[in-house]
Amino acid sequence: MRIADLSGKMICILGFGKEGQATLQALREHHIDANITVADANENIAGNVQLQGCTVQAGPQYLD
């Protein structure tokens, strides 16, 4: 699969540490038009400016 094949897909980035942030950055740099959800146990990520345009599931129930 190539990164361009992700356009039009639903993508969930599990965890928003260094790797999760790099994944989101790569998707944006390649102009991938996808429904992106970021899920992380850290409730404080919800206000992160990098997450604009993404659905965020944060906190203790982030895997629900």
PDB file of N, CA and C in Angstrom:
ATOM      1  N   MET A   1       0.847  -1.170   0.000  1.00  0.00           N
ATOM      2  CA  MET A   1       0.000   0.000   0.000  1.00  0.00           C
ATOM      3  C   MET A   1       0.896   1.239   0.000  1.00  0.00           C
ATOM      4  N   ARG A   2       0.495   2.213  -0.769  1.00  0.00           N
ATOM      5  CA  ARG A   2       1.190   3.500  -0.802  1.00  0.00           C
ATOM      6  C   ARG A   2       0.392   4.514  -0.001  1.00  0.00           C
ATOM      7  N   ILE A   3       1.051   5.577   0.440  1.00  0.00           N
ATOM      8  CA  ILE A   3       0.361   6.572   1.258  1.00  0.00           C
ATOM      9  C   ILE A   3      -0.799   7.210   0.490  1.00  0.00           C
ATOM     10  N   ALA A   4      -0.685   7.342  -0.800  1.00  0.00           N
ATOM     11  CA  ALA A   4      -1.761   7.918  -1.607  1.00  0.00           C
ATOM     12  C   ALA A   4      -3.014   7.045  -1.580  1.00  0.00           C
ATOM     13  N   ASP A   5      -2.860   5.755  -1.326  1.00  0.00           N
ATOM     14  CA  ASP A   5      -3.998   4.838  -1.264  1.00  0.00           C
ATOM     15  C   ASP A   5      -4.883   5.103  -0.047  1.00  0.00           C
ATOM     16  N   LEU A   6      -4.411   5.925   0.896  1.00  0.00           N
ATOM     17  CA  LEU A   6      -5.180   6.210   2.105  1.00  0.00           C
ATOM     18  C   LEU A   6      -6.252   7.280   1.904  1.00  0.00           C
ATOM     19  N   SER A   7      -6.212   7.995   0.781  1.00  0.00           N
ATOM     20  CA  SER A   7      -7.233   9.003   0.517  1.00  0.00           C
ATOM     21  C   SER A   7      -8.614   8.370   0.489  1.00  0.00           C
ATOM     22  N   GLY A   8      -9.544   9.031   1.150  1.00  0.00           N
ATOM     23  CA  GLY A   8     -10.919   8.545   1.199  1.00  0.00           C
ATOM     24  C   GLY A   8     -11.158   7.480   2.258  1.00  0.00           C
ATOM     25  N   LYS A   9     -10.156   7.127   3.018  1.00  0.00           N
ATOM     26  CA  LYS A   9     -10.275   6.085   4.040  1.00  0.00           C
ATOM     27  C   LYS A   9     -10.537   6.697   5.405  1.00  0.00           C
ATOM     28  N   MET A  10     -10.883   5.846   6.365  1.00  0.00           N
ATOM     29  CA  MET A  10     -10.975   6.226   7.764  1.00  0.00           C
ATOM     30  C   MET A  10      -9.694   5.752   8.434  1.00  0.00           C
ATOM     31  N   ILE A  11      -8.975   6.668   9.073  1.00  0.00           N
ATOM     32  CA  ILE A  11      -7.682   6.361   9.678  1.00  0.00           C
ATOM     33  C   ILE A  11      -7.740   6.674  11.160  1.00  0.00           C
ATOM     34  N   CYS A  12      -7.241   5.757  11.986  1.00  0.00           N
ATOM     35  CA  CYS A  12      -7.137   5.996  13.425  1.00  0.00           C
ATOM     36  C   CYS A  12      -5.665   5.937  13.811  1.00  0.00           C
ATOM     37  N   ILE A  13      -5.189   7.018  14.385  1.00  0.00           N
ATOM     38  CA  ILE A  13      -3.828   7.070  14.906  1.00  0.00           C
ATOM     39  C   ILE A  13      -3.942   6.793  16.400  1.00  0.00           C
ATOM     40  N   LEU A  14      -3.406   5.680  16.817  1.00  0.00           N
ATOM     41  CA  LEU A  14      -3.501   5.262  18.210  1.00  0.00           C
ATOM     42  C   LEU A  14      -2.256   5.727  18.954  1.00  0.00           C
ATOM     43  N   GLY A  15      -2.436   6.765  19.755  1.00  0.00           N
ATOM     44  CA  GLY A  15      -1.333   7.375  20.481  1.00  0.00           C
ATOM     45  C   GLY A  15      -0.849   8.607  19.753  1.00  0.00           C
ATOM     46  N   PHE A  16      -0.615   9.681  20.490  1.00  0.00           N
ATOM     47  CA  PHE A  16      -0.184  10.924  19.856  1.00  0.00           C
ATOM     48  C   PHE A  16       1.135  11.407  20.439  1.00  0.00           C
ATOM     49  N   GLY A  17       2.056  10.460  20.596  1.00  0.00           N
ATOM     50  CA  GLY A  17       3.423  10.793  20.982  1.00  0.00           C
ATOM     51  C   GLY A  17       4.201  11.168  19.731  1.00  0.00           C
ATOM     52  N   LYS A  18       5.493  10.947  19.741  1.00  0.00           N
ATOM     53  CA  LYS A  18       6.332  11.315  18.592  1.00  0.00           C
ATOM     54  C   LYS A  18       5.897  10.627  17.309  1.00  0.00           C
ATOM     55  N   GLU A  19       5.630   9.326  17.383  1.00  0.00           N
ATOM     56  CA  GLU A  19       5.247   8.588  16.173  1.00  0.00           C
ATOM     57  C   GLU A  19       3.864   8.989  15.674  1.00  0.00           C
ATOM     58  N   GLY A  20       2.925   9.184  16.573  1.00  0.00           N
ATOM     59  CA  GLY A  20       1.589   9.609  16.170  1.00  0.00           C
ATOM     60  C   GLY A  20       1.608  10.981  15.527  1.00  0.00           C
ATOM     61  N   GLN A  21       2.382  11.893  16.096  1.00  0.00           N
ATOM     62  CA  GLN A  21       2.499  13.231  15.525  1.00  0.00           C
ATOM     63  C   GLN A  21       3.164  13.182  14.154  1.00  0.00           C
ATOM     64  N   ALA A  22       4.186  12.349  14.008  1.00  0.00           N
ATOM     65  CA  ALA A  22       4.869  12.214  12.719  1.00  0.00           C
ATOM     66  C   ALA A  22       3.935  11.610  11.670  1.00  0.00           C
ATOM     67  N   THR A  23       3.105  10.675  12.086  1.00  0.00           N
ATOM     68  CA  THR A  23       2.149  10.068  11.156  1.00  0.00           C
ATOM     69  C   THR A  23       1.157  11.106  10.655  1.00  0.00           C
ATOM     70  N   LEU A  24       0.608  11.903  11.569  1.00  0.00           N
ATOM     71  CA  LEU A  24      -0.344  12.946  11.176  1.00  0.00           C
ATOM     72  C   LEU A  24       0.339  13.961  10.261  1.00  0.00           C
ATOM     73  N   GLN A  25       1.558  14.335  10.570  1.00  0.00           N
ATOM     74  CA  GLN A  25       2.294  15.286   9.736  1.00  0.00           C
ATOM     75  C   GLN A  25       2.505  14.725   8.332  1.00  0.00           C
ATOM     76  N   ALA A  26       2.861  13.452   8.230  1.00  0.00           N
ATOM     77  CA  ALA A  26       3.070  12.828   6.919  1.00  0.00           C
ATOM     78  C   ALA A  26       1.777  12.792   6.110  1.00  0.00           C
ATOM     79  N   LEU A  27       0.673  12.475   6.762  1.00  0.00           N
ATOM     80  CA  LEU A  27      -0.610  12.456   6.063  1.00  0.00           C
ATOM     81  C   LEU A  27      -0.944  13.835   5.513  1.00  0.00           C
ATOM     82  N   ARG A  28      -0.678  14.856   6.295  1.00  0.00           N
ATOM     83  CA  ARG A  28      -0.970  16.223   5.855  1.00  0.00           C
ATOM     84  C   ARG A  28      -0.003  16.686   4.764  1.00  0.00           C
ATOM     85  N   GLU A  29       1.261  16.327   4.887  1.00  0.00           N
ATOM     86  CA  GLU A  29       2.241  16.731   3.866  1.00  0.00           C
ATOM     87  C   GLU A  29       1.924  16.111   2.510  1.00  0.00           C
ATOM     88  N   HIS A  30       1.323  14.924   2.526  1.00  0.00           N
ATOM     89  CA  HIS A  30       0.956  14.253   1.277  1.00  0.00           C
ATOM     90  C   HIS A  30      -0.479  14.570   0.860  1.00  0.00           C
ATOM     91  N   HIS A  31      -1.110  15.516   1.543  1.00  0.00           N
ATOM     92  CA  HIS A  31      -2.461  15.981   1.230  1.00  0.00           C
ATOM     93  C   HIS A  31      -3.465  14.837   1.147  1.00  0.00           C
ATOM     94  N   ILE A  32      -3.390  13.946   2.124  1.00  0.00           N
ATOM     95  CA  ILE A  32      -4.308  12.814   2.172  1.00  0.00           C
ATOM     96  C   ILE A  32      -5.662  13.296   2.672  1.00  0.00           C
ATOM     97  N   ASP A  33      -6.683  13.113   1.870  1.00  0.00           N
ATOM     98  CA  ASP A  33      -8.039  13.506   2.229  1.00  0.00           C
ATOM     99  C   ASP A  33      -8.710  12.290   2.861  1.00  0.00           C
ATOM    100  N   ALA A  34      -8.675  12.226   4.181  1.00  0.00           N
ATOM    101  CA  ALA A  34      -9.210  11.066   4.899  1.00  0.00           C
ATOM    102  C   ALA A  34      -9.877  11.538   6.181  1.00  0.00           C
ATOM    103  N   ASN A  35     -10.712  10.686   6.727  1.00  0.00           N
ATOM    104  CA  ASN A  35     -11.343  10.923   8.020  1.00  0.00           C
ATOM    105  C   ASN A  35     -10.370  10.413   9.076  1.00  0.00           C
ATOM    106  N   ILE A  36      -9.702  11.325   9.796  1.00  0.00           N
ATOM    107  CA  ILE A  36      -8.644  10.951  10.731  1.00  0.00           C
ATOM    108  C   ILE A  36      -9.123  11.105  12.171  1.00  0.00           C
ATOM    109  N   THR A  37      -8.952  10.042  12.936  1.00  0.00           N
ATOM    110  CA  THR A  37      -9.237  10.056  14.372  1.00  0.00           C
ATOM    111  C   THR A  37      -7.929   9.817  15.107  1.00  0.00           C
ATOM    112  N   VAL A  38      -7.696  10.598  16.156  1.00  0.00           N
ATOM    113  CA  VAL A  38      -6.528  10.399  17.008  1.00  0.00           C
ATOM    114  C   VAL A  38      -7.046   9.972  18.373  1.00  0.00           C
ATOM    115  N   ALA A  39      -6.576   8.813  18.846  1.00  0.00           N
ATOM    116  CA  ALA A  39      -7.001   8.278  20.140  1.00  0.00           C
ATOM    117  C   ALA A  39      -5.785   8.189  21.055  1.00  0.00           C
ATOM    118  N   ASP A  40      -5.926   8.752  22.264  1.00  0.00           N
ATOM    119  CA  ASP A  40      -4.809   8.766  23.207  1.00  0.00           C
ATOM    120  C   ASP A  40      -5.356   8.839  24.628  1.00  0.00           C
ATOM    121  N   ALA A  41      -4.670   8.192  25.552  1.00  0.00           N
ATOM    122  CA  ALA A  41      -5.085   8.201  26.948  1.00  0.00           C
ATOM    123  C   ALA A  41      -4.917   9.573  27.592  1.00  0.00           C
ATOM    124  N   ASN A  42      -4.066  10.411  27.045  1.00  0.00           N
ATOM    125  CA  ASN A  42      -3.800  11.735  27.595  1.00  0.00           C
ATOM    126  C   ASN A  42      -4.933  12.702  27.243  1.00  0.00           C
ATOM    127  N   GLU A  43      -5.677  13.127  28.241  1.00  0.00           N
ATOM    128  CA  GLU A  43      -6.797  14.040  28.020  1.00  0.00           C
ATOM    129  C   GLU A  43      -6.354  15.408  27.521  1.00  0.00           C
ATOM    130  N   ASN A  44      -5.118  15.781  27.776  1.00  0.00           N
ATOM    131  CA  ASN A  44      -4.628  17.115  27.432  1.00  0.00           C
ATOM    132  C   ASN A  44      -4.356  17.312  25.945  1.00  0.00           C
ATOM    133  N   ILE A  45      -4.427  16.268  25.145  1.00  0.00           N
ATOM    134  CA  ILE A  45      -4.147  16.448  23.716  1.00  0.00           C
ATOM    135  C   ILE A  45      -5.292  17.134  22.992  1.00  0.00           C
ATOM    136  N   ALA A  46      -6.486  17.139  23.574  1.00  0.00           N
ATOM    137  CA  ALA A  46      -7.666  17.674  22.900  1.00  0.00           C
ATOM    138  C   ALA A  46      -7.477  19.127  22.462  1.00  0.00           C
ATOM    139  N   GLY A  47      -6.692  19.904  23.169  1.00  0.00           N
ATOM    140  CA  GLY A  47      -6.487  21.296  22.808  1.00  0.00           C
ATOM    141  C   GLY A  47      -5.307  21.532  21.878  1.00  0.00           C
ATOM    142  N   ASN A  48      -4.666  20.476  21.419  1.00  0.00           N
ATOM    143  CA  ASN A  48      -3.481  20.589  20.573  1.00  0.00           C
ATOM    144  C   ASN A  48      -3.855  21.143  19.198  1.00  0.00           C
ATOM    145  N   VAL A  49      -3.205  22.214  18.793  1.00  0.00           N
ATOM    146  CA  VAL A  49      -3.508  22.862  17.524  1.00  0.00           C
ATOM    147  C   VAL A  49      -3.242  21.947  16.324  1.00  0.00           C
ATOM    148  N   GLN A  50      -2.328  20.988  16.447  1.00  0.00           N
ATOM    149  CA  GLN A  50      -2.032  20.051  15.357  1.00  0.00           C
ATOM    150  C   GLN A  50      -3.244  19.189  15.013  1.00  0.00           C
ATOM    151  N   LEU A  51      -4.179  19.063  15.937  1.00  0.00           N
ATOM    152  CA  LEU A  51      -5.301  18.158  15.747  1.00  0.00           C
ATOM    153  C   LEU A  51      -6.516  18.802  15.080  1.00  0.00           C
ATOM    154  N   GLN A  52      -6.386  20.035  14.638  1.00  0.00           N
ATOM    155  CA  GLN A  52      -7.500  20.687  13.963  1.00  0.00           C
ATOM    156  C   GLN A  52      -7.911  19.873  12.746  1.00  0.00           C
ATOM    157  N   GLY A  53      -9.195  19.637  12.611  1.00  0.00           N
ATOM    158  CA  GLY A  53      -9.706  18.850  11.496  1.00  0.00           C
ATOM    159  C   GLY A  53      -9.752  17.361  11.763  1.00  0.00           C
ATOM    160  N   CYS A  54      -9.292  16.933  12.938  1.00  0.00           N
ATOM    161  CA  CYS A  54      -9.308  15.518  13.305  1.00  0.00           C
ATOM    162  C   CYS A  54     -10.345  15.283  14.392  1.00  0.00           C
ATOM    163  N   THR A  55     -10.873  14.092  14.419  1.00  0.00           N
ATOM    164  CA  THR A  55     -11.692  13.665  15.542  1.00  0.00           C
ATOM    165  C   THR A  55     -10.734  13.200  16.625  1.00  0.00           C
ATOM    166  N   VAL A  56     -11.005  13.590  17.878  1.00  0.00           N
ATOM    167  CA  VAL A  56     -10.114  13.229  18.982  1.00  0.00           C
ATOM    168  C   VAL A  56     -10.883  12.430  20.020  1.00  0.00           C
ATOM    169  N   GLN A  57     -10.339  11.295  20.397  1.00  0.00           N
ATOM    170  CA  GLN A  57     -10.849  10.486  21.505  1.00  0.00           C
ATOM    171  C   GLN A  57      -9.736  10.455  22.535  1.00  0.00           C
ATOM    172  N   ALA A  58      -9.949  11.129  23.667  1.00  0.00           N
ATOM    173  CA  ALA A  58      -8.890  11.245  24.657  1.00  0.00           C
ATOM    174  C   ALA A  58      -9.434  10.942  26.046  1.00  0.00           C
ATOM    175  N   GLY A  59      -8.549  10.481  26.877  1.00  0.00           N
ATOM    176  CA  GLY A  59      -8.909  10.196  28.259  1.00  0.00           C
ATOM    177  C   GLY A  59      -8.923   8.709  28.533  1.00  0.00           C
ATOM    178  N   PRO A  60      -9.329   8.341  29.736  1.00  0.00           N
ATOM    179  CA  PRO A  60      -9.283   6.946  30.155  1.00  0.00           C
ATOM    180  C   PRO A  60     -10.076   5.973  29.260  1.00  0.00           C
ATOM    181  N   GLN A  61     -11.103   6.465  28.609  1.00  0.00           N
ATOM    182  CA  GLN A  61     -11.948   5.618  27.771  1.00  0.00           C
ATOM    183  C   GLN A  61     -11.611   5.763  26.286  1.00  0.00           C
ATOM    184  N   TYR A  62     -10.383   6.151  25.961  1.00  0.00           N
ATOM    185  CA  TYR A  62     -10.032   6.454  24.580  1.00  0.00           C
ATOM    186  C   TYR A  62     -10.167   5.280  23.622  1.00  0.00           C
ATOM    187  N   LEU A  63     -10.154   4.058  24.128  1.00  0.00           N
ATOM    188  CA  LEU A  63     -10.286   2.892  23.237  1.00  0.00           C
ATOM    189  C   LEU A  63     -11.743   2.501  22.973  1.00  0.00           C
ATOM    190  N   ASP A  64     -12.660   3.152  23.658  1.00  0.00           N
ATOM    191  CA  ASP A  64     -14.078   2.837  23.431  1.00  0.00           C
ATOM    192  C   ASP A  64     -14.475   3.387  22.107  1.00  0.00           C
TER     193      ASP A  64
END
